[in-house]
Amino acid sequence: SLFWLIFVFAKTATGLGICKLIFGVETLLSTVPWPFIDVMIIAVPVS
């Protein structure tokens, strides 16, 4: 969940700026729909 919020989910990744600082891009997965898929959709199945 923390990884997705910091490096993928557009709303939080862009606001935090950590992904931009480390990798030079706003989000690691820029192809729709990945930047708009919420953390719970990914993290809960993994858990």
PDB file of all heavy atoms in Angstrom:
ATOM      1  N   SER A   1       0.837  -1.208   0.000  1.00  0.00           N
ATOM      2  CA  SER A   1       0.000   0.000   0.000  1.00  0.00           C
ATOM      3  C   SER A   1       0.870   1.256   0.000  1.00  0.00           C
ATOM      4  O   SER A   1       0.592   2.215  -0.734  1.00  0.00           O
ATOM      5  CB  SER A   1      -0.951   0.001   1.195  1.00  0.00           C
ATOM      6  OG  SER A   1      -0.253   0.047   2.423  1.00  0.00           O
ATOM      7  N   LEU A   2       1.922   1.279   0.803  1.00  0.00           N
ATOM      8  CA  LEU A   2       2.805   2.445   0.843  1.00  0.00           C
ATOM      9  C   LEU A   2       3.535   2.634  -0.490  1.00  0.00           C
ATOM     10  O   LEU A   2       3.670   3.762  -0.992  1.00  0.00           O
ATOM     11  CB  LEU A   2       3.818   2.303   1.984  1.00  0.00           C
ATOM     12  CG  LEU A   2       3.239   2.382   3.402  1.00  0.00           C
ATOM     13  CD1 LEU A   2       4.312   2.129   4.441  1.00  0.00           C
ATOM     14  CD2 LEU A   2       2.566   3.732   3.648  1.00  0.00           C
ATOM     15  N   PHE A   3       4.001   1.530  -1.086  1.00  0.00           N
ATOM     16  CA  PHE A   3       4.676   1.613  -2.384  1.00  0.00           C
ATOM     17  C   PHE A   3       3.726   2.185  -3.438  1.00  0.00           C
ATOM     18  O   PHE A   3       4.100   3.062  -4.229  1.00  0.00           O
ATOM     19  CB  PHE A   3       5.167   0.233  -2.817  1.00  0.00           C
ATOM     20  CG  PHE A   3       5.769   0.213  -4.200  1.00  0.00           C
ATOM     21  CD1 PHE A   3       7.098   0.547  -4.399  1.00  0.00           C
ATOM     22  CD2 PHE A   3       4.999  -0.121  -5.302  1.00  0.00           C
ATOM     23  CE1 PHE A   3       7.651   0.554  -5.671  1.00  0.00           C
ATOM     24  CE2 PHE A   3       5.529  -0.123  -6.585  1.00  0.00           C
ATOM     25  CZ  PHE A   3       6.868   0.208  -6.774  1.00  0.00           C
ATOM     26  N   TRP A   4       2.492   1.695  -3.475  1.00  0.00           N
ATOM     27  CA  TRP A   4       1.532   2.138  -4.478  1.00  0.00           C
ATOM     28  C   TRP A   4       1.193   3.615  -4.296  1.00  0.00           C
ATOM     29  O   TRP A   4       1.095   4.363  -5.280  1.00  0.00           O
ATOM     30  CB  TRP A   4       0.264   1.286  -4.394  1.00  0.00           C
ATOM     31  CG  TRP A   4      -0.576   1.341  -5.632  1.00  0.00           C
ATOM     32  CD1 TRP A   4      -1.681   2.107  -5.855  1.00  0.00           C
ATOM     33  CD2 TRP A   4      -0.373   0.588  -6.833  1.00  0.00           C
ATOM     34  NE1 TRP A   4      -2.186   1.884  -7.110  1.00  0.00           N
ATOM     35  CE2 TRP A   4      -1.402   0.951  -7.729  1.00  0.00           C
ATOM     36  CE3 TRP A   4       0.564  -0.357  -7.231  1.00  0.00           C
ATOM     37  CZ2 TRP A   4      -1.506   0.400  -9.002  1.00  0.00           C
ATOM     38  CZ3 TRP A   4       0.456  -0.914  -8.496  1.00  0.00           C
ATOM     39  CH2 TRP A   4      -0.568  -0.530  -9.368  1.00  0.00           C
ATOM     40  N   LEU A   5       1.053   4.045  -3.060  1.00  0.00           N
ATOM     41  CA  LEU A   5       0.733   5.444  -2.789  1.00  0.00           C
ATOM     42  C   LEU A   5       1.881   6.376  -3.167  1.00  0.00           C
ATOM     43  O   LEU A   5       1.671   7.480  -3.672  1.00  0.00           O
ATOM     44  CB  LEU A   5       0.406   5.634  -1.304  1.00  0.00           C
ATOM     45  CG  LEU A   5      -0.900   5.017  -0.803  1.00  0.00           C
ATOM     46  CD1 LEU A   5      -0.982   5.103   0.710  1.00  0.00           C
ATOM     47  CD2 LEU A   5      -2.099   5.713  -1.438  1.00  0.00           C
ATOM     48  N   ILE A   6       3.109   5.940  -2.957  1.00  0.00           N
ATOM     49  CA  ILE A   6       4.273   6.800  -3.191  1.00  0.00           C
ATOM     50  C   ILE A   6       4.718   6.803  -4.652  1.00  0.00           C
ATOM     51  O   ILE A   6       5.115   7.845  -5.188  1.00  0.00           O
ATOM     52  CB  ILE A   6       5.444   6.362  -2.289  1.00  0.00           C
ATOM     53  CG1 ILE A   6       5.083   6.590  -0.816  1.00  0.00           C
ATOM     54  CG2 ILE A   6       6.721   7.126  -2.637  1.00  0.00           C
ATOM     55  CD1 ILE A   6       6.082   5.985   0.155  1.00  0.00           C
ATOM     56  N   PHE A   7       4.599   5.655  -5.322  1.00  0.00           N
ATOM     57  CA  PHE A   7       5.200   5.530  -6.649  1.00  0.00           C
ATOM     58  C   PHE A   7       4.234   5.302  -7.814  1.00  0.00           C
ATOM     59  O   PHE A   7       4.651   5.405  -8.963  1.00  0.00           O
ATOM     60  CB  PHE A   7       6.222   4.387  -6.644  1.00  0.00           C
ATOM     61  CG  PHE A   7       7.388   4.626  -5.736  1.00  0.00           C
ATOM     62  CD1 PHE A   7       7.513   3.926  -4.549  1.00  0.00           C
ATOM     63  CD2 PHE A   7       8.359   5.571  -6.054  1.00  0.00           C
ATOM     64  CE1 PHE A   7       8.587   4.142  -3.698  1.00  0.00           C
ATOM     65  CE2 PHE A   7       9.431   5.801  -5.216  1.00  0.00           C
ATOM     66  CZ  PHE A   7       9.549   5.090  -4.032  1.00  0.00           C
ATOM     67  N   VAL A   8       2.952   4.991  -7.540  1.00  0.00           N
ATOM     68  CA  VAL A   8       2.046   4.660  -8.644  1.00  0.00           C
ATOM     69  C   VAL A   8       0.780   5.515  -8.657  1.00  0.00           C
ATOM     70  O   VAL A   8       0.460   6.131  -9.674  1.00  0.00           O
ATOM     71  CB  VAL A   8       1.670   3.157  -8.603  1.00  0.00           C
ATOM     72  CG1 VAL A   8       0.719   2.828  -9.758  1.00  0.00           C
ATOM     73  CG2 VAL A   8       2.913   2.281  -8.680  1.00  0.00           C
ATOM     74  N   PHE A   9       0.029   5.533  -7.557  1.00  0.00           N
ATOM     75  CA  PHE A   9      -1.262   6.222  -7.518  1.00  0.00           C
ATOM     76  C   PHE A   9      -1.060   7.715  -7.755  1.00  0.00           C
ATOM     77  O   PHE A   9      -0.387   8.403  -6.980  1.00  0.00           O
ATOM     78  CB  PHE A   9      -1.945   5.969  -6.180  1.00  0.00           C
ATOM     79  CG  PHE A   9      -3.361   6.455  -6.105  1.00  0.00           C
ATOM     80  CD1 PHE A   9      -4.282   6.104  -7.070  1.00  0.00           C
ATOM     81  CD2 PHE A   9      -3.782   7.262  -5.052  1.00  0.00           C
ATOM     82  CE1 PHE A   9      -5.604   6.541  -7.006  1.00  0.00           C
ATOM     83  CE2 PHE A   9      -5.090   7.707  -4.971  1.00  0.00           C
ATOM     84  CZ  PHE A   9      -6.000   7.345  -5.952  1.00  0.00           C
ATOM     85  N   ALA A  10      -1.637   8.246  -8.838  1.00  0.00           N
ATOM     86  CA  ALA A  10      -1.304   9.589  -9.316  1.00  0.00           C
ATOM     87  C   ALA A  10      -1.549  10.684  -8.290  1.00  0.00           C
ATOM     88  O   ALA A  10      -0.713  11.580  -8.112  1.00  0.00           O
ATOM     89  CB  ALA A  10      -2.089   9.877 -10.592  1.00  0.00           C
ATOM     90  N   LYS A  11      -2.689  10.634  -7.603  1.00  0.00           N
ATOM     91  CA  LYS A  11      -3.037  11.713  -6.676  1.00  0.00           C
ATOM     92  C   LYS A  11      -2.003  11.881  -5.578  1.00  0.00           C
ATOM     93  O   LYS A  11      -1.616  13.003  -5.227  1.00  0.00           O
ATOM     94  CB  LYS A  11      -4.415  11.445  -6.059  1.00  0.00           C
ATOM     95  CG  LYS A  11      -5.577  11.772  -6.976  1.00  0.00           C
ATOM     96  CD  LYS A  11      -6.893  11.651  -6.226  1.00  0.00           C
ATOM     97  CE  LYS A  11      -8.077  12.038  -7.115  1.00  0.00           C
ATOM     98  NZ  LYS A  11      -9.366  11.934  -6.389  1.00  0.00           N
ATOM     99  N   THR A  12      -1.557  10.778  -5.014  1.00  0.00           N
ATOM    100  CA  THR A  12      -0.600  10.860  -3.903  1.00  0.00           C
ATOM    101  C   THR A  12       0.847  10.914  -4.391  1.00  0.00           C
ATOM    102  O   THR A  12       1.664  11.628  -3.816  1.00  0.00           O
ATOM    103  CB  THR A  12      -0.771   9.662  -2.959  1.00  0.00           C
ATOM    104  OG1 THR A  12      -0.766   8.447  -3.726  1.00  0.00           O
ATOM    105  CG2 THR A  12      -2.084   9.757  -2.210  1.00  0.00           C
ATOM    106  N   ALA A  13       1.168  10.168  -5.435  1.00  0.00           N
ATOM    107  CA  ALA A  13       2.544  10.156  -5.947  1.00  0.00           C
ATOM    108  C   ALA A  13       2.953  11.544  -6.437  1.00  0.00           C
ATOM    109  O   ALA A  13       4.067  12.013  -6.163  1.00  0.00           O
ATOM    110  CB  ALA A  13       2.682   9.135  -7.070  1.00  0.00           C
ATOM    111  N   THR A  14       2.043  12.214  -7.141  1.00  0.00           N
ATOM    112  CA  THR A  14       2.335  13.556  -7.631  1.00  0.00           C
ATOM    113  C   THR A  14       2.463  14.545  -6.479  1.00  0.00           C
ATOM    114  O   THR A  14       3.370  15.379  -6.458  1.00  0.00           O
ATOM    115  CB  THR A  14       1.224  14.026  -8.592  1.00  0.00           C
ATOM    116  OG1 THR A  14       1.114  13.095  -9.671  1.00  0.00           O
ATOM    117  CG2 THR A  14       1.536  15.398  -9.145  1.00  0.00           C
ATOM    118  N   GLY A  15       1.563  14.432  -5.506  1.00  0.00           N
ATOM    119  CA  GLY A  15       1.599  15.352  -4.374  1.00  0.00           C
ATOM    120  C   GLY A  15       2.838  15.191  -3.512  1.00  0.00           C
ATOM    121  O   GLY A  15       3.440  16.176  -3.079  1.00  0.00           O
ATOM    122  N   LEU A  16       3.240  13.951  -3.274  1.00  0.00           N
ATOM    123  CA  LEU A  16       4.416  13.701  -2.434  1.00  0.00           C
ATOM    124  C   LEU A  16       5.715  14.066  -3.139  1.00  0.00           C
ATOM    125  O   LEU A  16       6.660  14.558  -2.519  1.00  0.00           O
ATOM    126  CB  LEU A  16       4.445  12.230  -2.004  1.00  0.00           C
ATOM    127  CG  LEU A  16       3.353  11.785  -1.038  1.00  0.00           C
ATOM    128  CD1 LEU A  16       3.383  10.273  -0.855  1.00  0.00           C
ATOM    129  CD2 LEU A  16       3.513  12.471   0.314  1.00  0.00           C
ATOM    130  N   GLY A  17       5.791  13.772  -4.439  1.00  0.00           N
ATOM    131  CA  GLY A  17       6.979  14.131  -5.218  1.00  0.00           C
ATOM    132  C   GLY A  17       8.177  13.222  -5.042  1.00  0.00           C
ATOM    133  O   GLY A  17       9.237  13.473  -5.619  1.00  0.00           O
ATOM    134  N   ILE A  18       8.042  12.155  -4.248  1.00  0.00           N
ATOM    135  CA  ILE A  18       9.173  11.251  -4.006  1.00  0.00           C
ATOM    136  C   ILE A  18       9.534  10.491  -5.271  1.00  0.00           C
ATOM    137  O   ILE A  18      10.723  10.315  -5.609  1.00  0.00           O
ATOM    138  CB  ILE A  18       8.855  10.280  -2.862  1.00  0.00           C
ATOM    139  CG1 ILE A  18       8.630  11.050  -1.559  1.00  0.00           C
ATOM    140  CG2 ILE A  18       9.966   9.245  -2.687  1.00  0.00           C
ATOM    141  CD1 ILE A  18       8.143  10.186  -0.396  1.00  0.00           C
ATOM    142  N   CYS A  19       8.523  10.025  -5.994  1.00  0.00           N
ATOM    143  CA  CYS A  19       8.755   9.297  -7.242  1.00  0.00           C
ATOM    144  C   CYS A  19       9.482  10.199  -8.253  1.00  0.00           C
ATOM    145  O   CYS A  19      10.416   9.759  -8.940  1.00  0.00           O
ATOM    146  CB  CYS A  19       7.435   8.799  -7.818  1.00  0.00           C
ATOM    147  SG  CYS A  19       7.602   7.751  -9.269  1.00  0.00           S
ATOM    148  N   LYS A  20       9.055  11.431  -8.357  1.00  0.00           N
ATOM    149  CA  LYS A  20       9.684  12.399  -9.266  1.00  0.00           C
ATOM    150  C   LYS A  20      11.132  12.639  -8.879  1.00  0.00           C
ATOM    151  O   LYS A  20      12.027  12.723  -9.746  1.00  0.00           O
ATOM    152  CB  LYS A  20       8.898  13.712  -9.212  1.00  0.00           C
ATOM    153  CG  LYS A  20       9.434  14.811 -10.109  1.00  0.00           C
ATOM    154  CD  LYS A  20       9.095  14.584 -11.547  1.00  0.00           C
ATOM    155  CE  LYS A  20       9.454  15.792 -12.398  1.00  0.00           C
ATOM    156  NZ  LYS A  20       9.170  15.574 -13.833  1.00  0.00           N
ATOM    157  N   LEU A  21      11.387  12.736  -7.591  1.00  0.00           N
ATOM    158  CA  LEU A  21      12.739  12.997  -7.099  1.00  0.00           C
ATOM    159  C   LEU A  21      13.682  11.840  -7.407  1.00  0.00           C
ATOM    160  O   LEU A  21      14.836  12.049  -7.817  1.00  0.00           O
ATOM    161  CB  LEU A  21      12.690  13.246  -5.587  1.00  0.00           C
ATOM    162  CG  LEU A  21      14.026  13.532  -4.894  1.00  0.00           C
ATOM    163  CD1 LEU A  21      14.605  14.853  -5.388  1.00  0.00           C
ATOM    164  CD2 LEU A  21      13.840  13.565  -3.382  1.00  0.00           C
ATOM    165  N   ILE A  22      13.198  10.598  -7.228  1.00  0.00           N
ATOM    166  CA  ILE A  22      14.064   9.424  -7.394  1.00  0.00           C
ATOM    167  C   ILE A  22      14.159   8.982  -8.855  1.00  0.00           C
ATOM    168  O   ILE A  22      15.258   8.719  -9.368  1.00  0.00           O
ATOM    169  CB  ILE A  22      13.548   8.260  -6.524  1.00  0.00           C
ATOM    170  CG1 ILE A  22      13.601   8.633  -5.043  1.00  0.00           C
ATOM    171  CG2 ILE A  22      14.380   6.996  -6.785  1.00  0.00           C
ATOM    172  CD1 ILE A  22      13.005   7.581  -4.117  1.00  0.00           C
ATOM    173  N   PHE A  23      13.028   8.928  -9.540  1.00  0.00           N
ATOM    174  CA  PHE A  23      12.999   8.345 -10.882  1.00  0.00           C
ATOM    175  C   PHE A  23      12.780   9.366 -11.999  1.00  0.00           C
ATOM    176  O   PHE A  23      12.844   9.023 -13.174  1.00  0.00           O
ATOM    177  CB  PHE A  23      11.904   7.272 -10.967  1.00  0.00           C
ATOM    178  CG  PHE A  23      12.123   6.122 -10.026  1.00  0.00           C
ATOM    179  CD1 PHE A  23      11.357   5.999  -8.872  1.00  0.00           C
ATOM    180  CD2 PHE A  23      13.101   5.160 -10.280  1.00  0.00           C
ATOM    181  CE1 PHE A  23      11.556   4.937  -8.000  1.00  0.00           C
ATOM    182  CE2 PHE A  23      13.300   4.098  -9.407  1.00  0.00           C
ATOM    183  CZ  PHE A  23      12.534   3.985  -8.260  1.00  0.00           C
ATOM    184  N   GLY A  24      12.471  10.614 -11.638  1.00  0.00           N
ATOM    185  CA  GLY A  24      12.290  11.644 -12.655  1.00  0.00           C
ATOM    186  C   GLY A  24      10.939  11.627 -13.346  1.00  0.00           C
ATOM    187  O   GLY A  24      10.741  12.333 -14.350  1.00  0.00           O
ATOM    188  N   VAL A  25       9.984  10.827 -12.855  1.00  0.00           N
ATOM    189  CA  VAL A  25       8.637  10.765 -13.429  1.00  0.00           C
ATOM    190  C   VAL A  25       7.611  10.907 -12.307  1.00  0.00           C
ATOM    191  O   VAL A  25       7.906  10.600 -11.146  1.00  0.00           O
ATOM    192  CB  VAL A  25       8.394   9.440 -14.195  1.00  0.00           C
ATOM    193  CG1 VAL A  25       9.255   9.385 -15.448  1.00  0.00           C
ATOM    194  CG2 VAL A  25       8.659   8.231 -13.298  1.00  0.00           C
ATOM    195  N   GLU A  26       6.404  11.365 -12.664  1.00  0.00           N
ATOM    196  CA  GLU A  26       5.362  11.557 -11.662  1.00  0.00           C
ATOM    197  C   GLU A  26       4.896  10.233 -11.066  1.00  0.00           C
ATOM    198  O   GLU A  26       4.606  10.129  -9.877  1.00  0.00           O
ATOM    199  CB  GLU A  26       4.157  12.284 -12.279  1.00  0.00           C
ATOM    200  CG  GLU A  26       4.467  13.671 -12.824  1.00  0.00           C
ATOM    201  CD  GLU A  26       4.712  14.696 -11.729  1.00  0.00           C
ATOM    202  OE1 GLU A  26       4.491  14.372 -10.551  1.00  0.00           O
ATOM    203  OE2 GLU A  26       5.124  15.815 -12.058  1.00  0.00           O
ATOM    204  N   THR A  27       4.790   9.208 -11.894  1.00  0.00           N
ATOM    205  CA  THR A  27       4.343   7.884 -11.463  1.00  0.00           C
ATOM    206  C   THR A  27       5.042   6.823 -12.285  1.00  0.00           C
ATOM    207  O   THR A  27       5.295   7.028 -13.485  1.00  0.00           O
ATOM    208  CB  THR A  27       2.815   7.742 -11.583  1.00  0.00           C
ATOM    209  OG1 THR A  27       2.427   6.407 -11.300  1.00  0.00           O
ATOM    210  CG2 THR A  27       2.330   8.131 -12.965  1.00  0.00           C
ATOM    211  N   LEU A  28       5.366   5.689 -11.678  1.00  0.00           N
ATOM    212  CA  LEU A  28       6.105   4.640 -12.382  1.00  0.00           C
ATOM    213  C   LEU A  28       5.269   3.963 -13.457  1.00  0.00           C
ATOM    214  O   LEU A  28       5.818   3.442 -14.438  1.00  0.00           O
ATOM    215  CB  LEU A  28       6.601   3.588 -11.377  1.00  0.00           C
ATOM    216  CG  LEU A  28       7.677   4.035 -10.388  1.00  0.00           C
ATOM    217  CD1 LEU A  28       8.080   2.875  -9.484  1.00  0.00           C
ATOM    218  CD2 LEU A  28       8.902   4.589 -11.114  1.00  0.00           C
ATOM    219  N   LEU A  29       3.940   3.938 -13.270  1.00  0.00           N
ATOM    220  CA  LEU A  29       3.045   3.339 -14.262  1.00  0.00           C
ATOM    221  C   LEU A  29       2.107   4.429 -14.768  1.00  0.00           C
ATOM    222  O   LEU A  29       1.117   4.759 -14.129  1.00  0.00           O
ATOM    223  CB  LEU A  29       2.243   2.184 -13.644  1.00  0.00           C
ATOM    224  CG  LEU A  29       3.066   0.995 -13.114  1.00  0.00           C
ATOM    225  CD1 LEU A  29       2.149  -0.014 -12.432  1.00  0.00           C
ATOM    226  CD2 LEU A  29       3.842   0.329 -14.238  1.00  0.00           C
ATOM    227  N   SER A  30       2.435   4.986 -15.921  1.00  0.00           N
ATOM    228  CA  SER A  30       1.673   6.126 -16.422  1.00  0.00           C
ATOM    229  C   SER A  30       0.544   5.747 -17.376  1.00  0.00           C
ATOM    230  O   SER A  30      -0.287   6.574 -17.724  1.00  0.00           O
ATOM    231  CB  SER A  30       2.617   7.100 -17.142  1.00  0.00           C
ATOM    232  OG  SER A  30       3.316   6.439 -18.198  1.00  0.00           O
ATOM    233  N   THR A  31       0.490   4.478 -17.782  1.00  0.00           N
ATOM    234  CA  THR A  31      -0.536   4.036 -18.717  1.00  0.00           C
ATOM    235  C   THR A  31      -1.866   3.839 -17.995  1.00  0.00           C
ATOM    236  O   THR A  31      -1.926   3.165 -16.966  1.00  0.00           O
ATOM    237  CB  THR A  31      -0.132   2.711 -19.391  1.00  0.00           C
ATOM    238  OG1 THR A  31       1.148   2.876 -20.010  1.00  0.00           O
ATOM    239  CG2 THR A  31      -1.140   2.307 -20.451  1.00  0.00           C
ATOM    240  N   VAL A  32      -2.929   4.424 -18.563  1.00  0.00           N
ATOM    241  CA  VAL A  32      -4.274   4.253 -17.983  1.00  0.00           C
ATOM    242  C   VAL A  32      -4.653   2.773 -18.052  1.00  0.00           C
ATOM    243  O   VAL A  32      -4.396   2.112 -19.060  1.00  0.00           O
ATOM    244  CB  VAL A  32      -5.291   5.120 -18.773  1.00  0.00           C
ATOM    245  CG1 VAL A  32      -6.705   4.891 -18.256  1.00  0.00           C
ATOM    246  CG2 VAL A  32      -4.914   6.602 -18.696  1.00  0.00           C
ATOM    247  N   PRO A  33      -5.220   2.193 -16.978  1.00  0.00           N
ATOM    248  CA  PRO A  33      -5.788   2.865 -15.794  1.00  0.00           C
ATOM    249  C   PRO A  33      -4.881   2.870 -14.569  1.00  0.00           C
ATOM    250  O   PRO A  33      -5.337   3.281 -13.502  1.00  0.00           O
ATOM    251  CB  PRO A  33      -7.026   2.013 -15.529  1.00  0.00           C
ATOM    252  CG  PRO A  33      -6.575   0.623 -15.860  1.00  0.00           C
ATOM    253  CD  PRO A  33      -5.659   0.770 -17.043  1.00  0.00           C
ATOM    254  N   TRP A  34      -3.639   2.373 -14.660  1.00  0.00           N
ATOM    255  CA  TRP A  34      -2.818   2.128 -13.472  1.00  0.00           C
ATOM    256  C   TRP A  34      -2.675   3.321 -12.530  1.00  0.00           C
ATOM    257  O   TRP A  34      -2.790   3.163 -11.305  1.00  0.00           O
ATOM    258  CB  TRP A  34      -1.448   1.602 -13.881  1.00  0.00           C
ATOM    259  CG  TRP A  34      -1.528   0.279 -14.577  1.00  0.00           C
ATOM    260  CD1 TRP A  34      -1.286   0.014 -15.890  1.00  0.00           C
ATOM    261  CD2 TRP A  34      -1.922  -0.971 -13.994  1.00  0.00           C
ATOM    262  NE1 TRP A  34      -1.501  -1.315 -16.176  1.00  0.00           N
ATOM    263  CE2 TRP A  34      -1.887  -1.948 -15.030  1.00  0.00           C
ATOM    264  CE3 TRP A  34      -2.312  -1.354 -12.712  1.00  0.00           C
ATOM    265  CZ2 TRP A  34      -2.222  -3.275 -14.800  1.00  0.00           C
ATOM    266  CZ3 TRP A  34      -2.643  -2.686 -12.485  1.00  0.00           C
ATOM    267  CH2 TRP A  34      -2.596  -3.627 -13.519  1.00  0.00           C
ATOM    268  N   PRO A  35      -2.447   4.550 -13.001  1.00  0.00           N
ATOM    269  CA  PRO A  35      -2.288   5.664 -12.048  1.00  0.00           C
ATOM    270  C   PRO A  35      -3.570   6.015 -11.298  1.00  0.00           C
ATOM    271  O   PRO A  35      -3.535   6.786 -10.343  1.00  0.00           O
ATOM    272  CB  PRO A  35      -1.870   6.833 -12.952  1.00  0.00           C
ATOM    273  CG  PRO A  35      -1.443   6.229 -14.231  1.00  0.00           C
ATOM    274  CD  PRO A  35      -2.243   4.990 -14.383  1.00  0.00           C
ATOM    275  N   PHE A  36      -4.704   5.445 -11.751  1.00  0.00           N
ATOM    276  CA  PHE A  36      -5.995   5.784 -11.147  1.00  0.00           C
ATOM    277  C   PHE A  36      -6.602   4.621 -10.366  1.00  0.00           C
ATOM    278  O   PHE A  36      -7.685   4.752  -9.804  1.00  0.00           O
ATOM    279  CB  PHE A  36      -6.967   6.248 -12.238  1.00  0.00           C
ATOM    280  CG  PHE A  36      -6.406   7.341 -13.101  1.00  0.00           C
ATOM    281  CD1 PHE A  36      -5.915   7.062 -14.365  1.00  0.00           C
ATOM    282  CD2 PHE A  36      -6.325   8.641 -12.628  1.00  0.00           C
ATOM    283  CE1 PHE A  36      -5.369   8.063 -15.158  1.00  0.00           C
ATOM    284  CE2 PHE A  36      -5.777   9.645 -13.405  1.00  0.00           C
ATOM    285  CZ  PHE A  36      -5.298   9.363 -14.678  1.00  0.00           C
ATOM    286  N   ILE A  37      -5.925   3.483 -10.359  1.00  0.00           N
ATOM    287  CA  ILE A  37      -6.400   2.328  -9.587  1.00  0.00           C
ATOM    288  C   ILE A  37      -5.961   2.489  -8.144  1.00  0.00           C
ATOM    289  O   ILE A  37      -4.776   2.643  -7.856  1.00  0.00           O
ATOM    290  CB  ILE A  37      -5.867   1.006 -10.159  1.00  0.00           C
ATOM    291  CG1 ILE A  37      -6.402   0.792 -11.579  1.00  0.00           C
ATOM    292  CG2 ILE A  37      -6.261  -0.168  -9.270  1.00  0.00           C
ATOM    293  CD1 ILE A  37      -5.891  -0.462 -12.239  1.00  0.00           C
ATOM    294  N   ASP A  38      -6.901   2.446  -7.258  1.00  0.00           N
ATOM    295  CA  ASP A  38      -6.602   2.744  -5.861  1.00  0.00           C
ATOM    296  C   ASP A  38      -5.816   1.620  -5.191  1.00  0.00           C
ATOM    297  O   ASP A  38      -5.851   0.464  -5.608  1.00  0.00           O
ATOM    298  CB  ASP A  38      -7.895   2.993  -5.097  1.00  0.00           C
ATOM    299  CG  ASP A  38      -7.658   3.886  -3.907  1.00  0.00           C
ATOM    300  OD1 ASP A  38      -7.538   5.099  -4.104  1.00  0.00           O
ATOM    301  OD2 ASP A  38      -7.576   3.361  -2.790  1.00  0.00           O
ATOM    302  N   VAL A  39      -5.151   2.001  -4.116  1.00  0.00           N
ATOM    303  CA  VAL A  39      -4.248   1.099  -3.414  1.00  0.00           C
ATOM    304  C   VAL A  39      -4.941  -0.162  -2.918  1.00  0.00           C
ATOM    305  O   VAL A  39      -4.359  -1.251  -2.940  1.00  0.00           O
ATOM    306  CB  VAL A  39      -3.554   1.841  -2.247  1.00  0.00           C
ATOM    307  CG1 VAL A  39      -4.576   2.377  -1.267  1.00  0.00           C
ATOM    308  CG2 VAL A  39      -2.563   0.951  -1.531  1.00  0.00           C
ATOM    309  N   MET A  40      -6.177  -0.038  -2.489  1.00  0.00           N
ATOM    310  CA  MET A  40      -6.862  -1.190  -1.903  1.00  0.00           C
ATOM    311  C   MET A  40      -7.085  -2.296  -2.935  1.00  0.00           C
ATOM    312  O   MET A  40      -7.041  -3.485  -2.602  1.00  0.00           O
ATOM    313  CB  MET A  40      -8.193  -0.747  -1.302  1.00  0.00           C
ATOM    314  CG  MET A  40      -8.862  -1.816  -0.454  1.00  0.00           C
ATOM    315  SD  MET A  40     -10.283  -1.136   0.403  1.00  0.00           S
ATOM    316  CE  MET A  40     -11.122  -2.659   0.825  1.00  0.00           C
ATOM    317  N   ILE A  41      -7.312  -1.933  -4.179  1.00  0.00           N
ATOM    318  CA  ILE A  41      -7.525  -2.909  -5.243  1.00  0.00           C
ATOM    319  C   ILE A  41      -6.294  -3.786  -5.434  1.00  0.00           C
ATOM    320  O   ILE A  41      -6.387  -4.964  -5.778  1.00  0.00           O
ATOM    321  CB  ILE A  41      -7.858  -2.192  -6.569  1.00  0.00           C
ATOM    322  CG1 ILE A  41      -9.110  -1.325  -6.414  1.00  0.00           C
ATOM    323  CG2 ILE A  41      -8.037  -3.181  -7.707  1.00  0.00           C
ATOM    324  CD1 ILE A  41     -10.376  -2.093  -6.216  1.00  0.00           C
ATOM    325  N   ILE A  42      -5.138  -3.217  -5.186  1.00  0.00           N
ATOM    326  CA  ILE A  42      -3.870  -3.941  -5.368  1.00  0.00           C
ATOM    327  C   ILE A  42      -3.410  -4.599  -4.068  1.00  0.00           C
ATOM    328  O   ILE A  42      -3.070  -5.786  -4.033  1.00  0.00           O
ATOM    329  CB  ILE A  42      -2.770  -2.983  -5.873  1.00  0.00           C
ATOM    330  CG1 ILE A  42      -3.216  -2.290  -7.169  1.00  0.00           C
ATOM    331  CG2 ILE A  42      -1.453  -3.725  -6.059  1.00  0.00           C
ATOM    332  CD1 ILE A  42      -3.471  -3.219  -8.323  1.00  0.00           C
ATOM    333  N   ALA A  43      -3.397  -3.838  -2.983  1.00  0.00           N
ATOM    334  CA  ALA A  43      -2.756  -4.287  -1.750  1.00  0.00           C
ATOM    335  C   ALA A  43      -3.537  -5.354  -1.006  1.00  0.00           C
ATOM    336  O   ALA A  43      -2.932  -6.266  -0.422  1.00  0.00           O
ATOM    337  CB  ALA A  43      -2.498  -3.091  -0.831  1.00  0.00           C
ATOM    338  N   VAL A  44      -4.862  -5.283  -0.987  1.00  0.00           N
ATOM    339  CA  VAL A  44      -5.651  -6.277  -0.252  1.00  0.00           C
ATOM    340  C   VAL A  44      -5.506  -7.671  -0.849  1.00  0.00           C
ATOM    341  O   VAL A  44      -5.281  -8.644  -0.116  1.00  0.00           O
ATOM    342  CB  VAL A  44      -7.126  -5.853  -0.148  1.00  0.00           C
ATOM    343  CG1 VAL A  44      -7.985  -6.986   0.402  1.00  0.00           C
ATOM    344  CG2 VAL A  44      -7.261  -4.631   0.762  1.00  0.00           C
ATOM    345  N   PRO A  45      -5.598  -7.849  -2.192  1.00  0.00           N
ATOM    346  CA  PRO A  45      -5.344  -9.181  -2.758  1.00  0.00           C
ATOM    347  C   PRO A  45      -3.936  -9.699  -2.482  1.00  0.00           C
ATOM    348  O   PRO A  45      -3.761 -10.896  -2.234  1.00  0.00           O
ATOM    349  CB  PRO A  45      -5.566  -8.975  -4.260  1.00  0.00           C
ATOM    350  CG  PRO A  45      -6.516  -7.840  -4.348  1.00  0.00           C
ATOM    351  CD  PRO A  45      -6.129  -6.928  -3.226  1.00  0.00           C
ATOM    352  N   VAL A  46      -2.949  -8.802  -2.490  1.00  0.00           N
ATOM    353  CA  VAL A  46      -1.569  -9.220  -2.170  1.00  0.00           C
ATOM    354  C   VAL A  46      -1.494  -9.708  -0.728  1.00  0.00           C
ATOM    355  O   VAL A  46      -0.909 -10.758  -0.438  1.00  0.00           O
ATOM    356  CB  VAL A  46      -0.579  -8.059  -2.402  1.00  0.00           C
ATOM    357  CG1 VAL A  46       0.795  -8.410  -1.836  1.00  0.00           C
ATOM    358  CG2 VAL A  46      -0.462  -7.740  -3.884  1.00  0.00           C
ATOM    359  N   SER A  47      -2.088  -8.944   0.182  1.00  0.00           N
ATOM    360  CA  SER A  47      -2.098  -9.341   1.590  1.00  0.00           C
ATOM    361  C   SER A  47      -2.801 -10.679   1.777  1.00  0.00           C
ATOM    362  O   SER A  47      -2.318 -11.548   2.516  1.00  0.00           O
ATOM    363  CB  SER A  47      -2.786  -8.264   2.427  1.00  0.00           C
ATOM    364  OG  SER A  47      -2.929  -8.671   3.768  1.00  0.00           O
TER     365      SER A  47
END
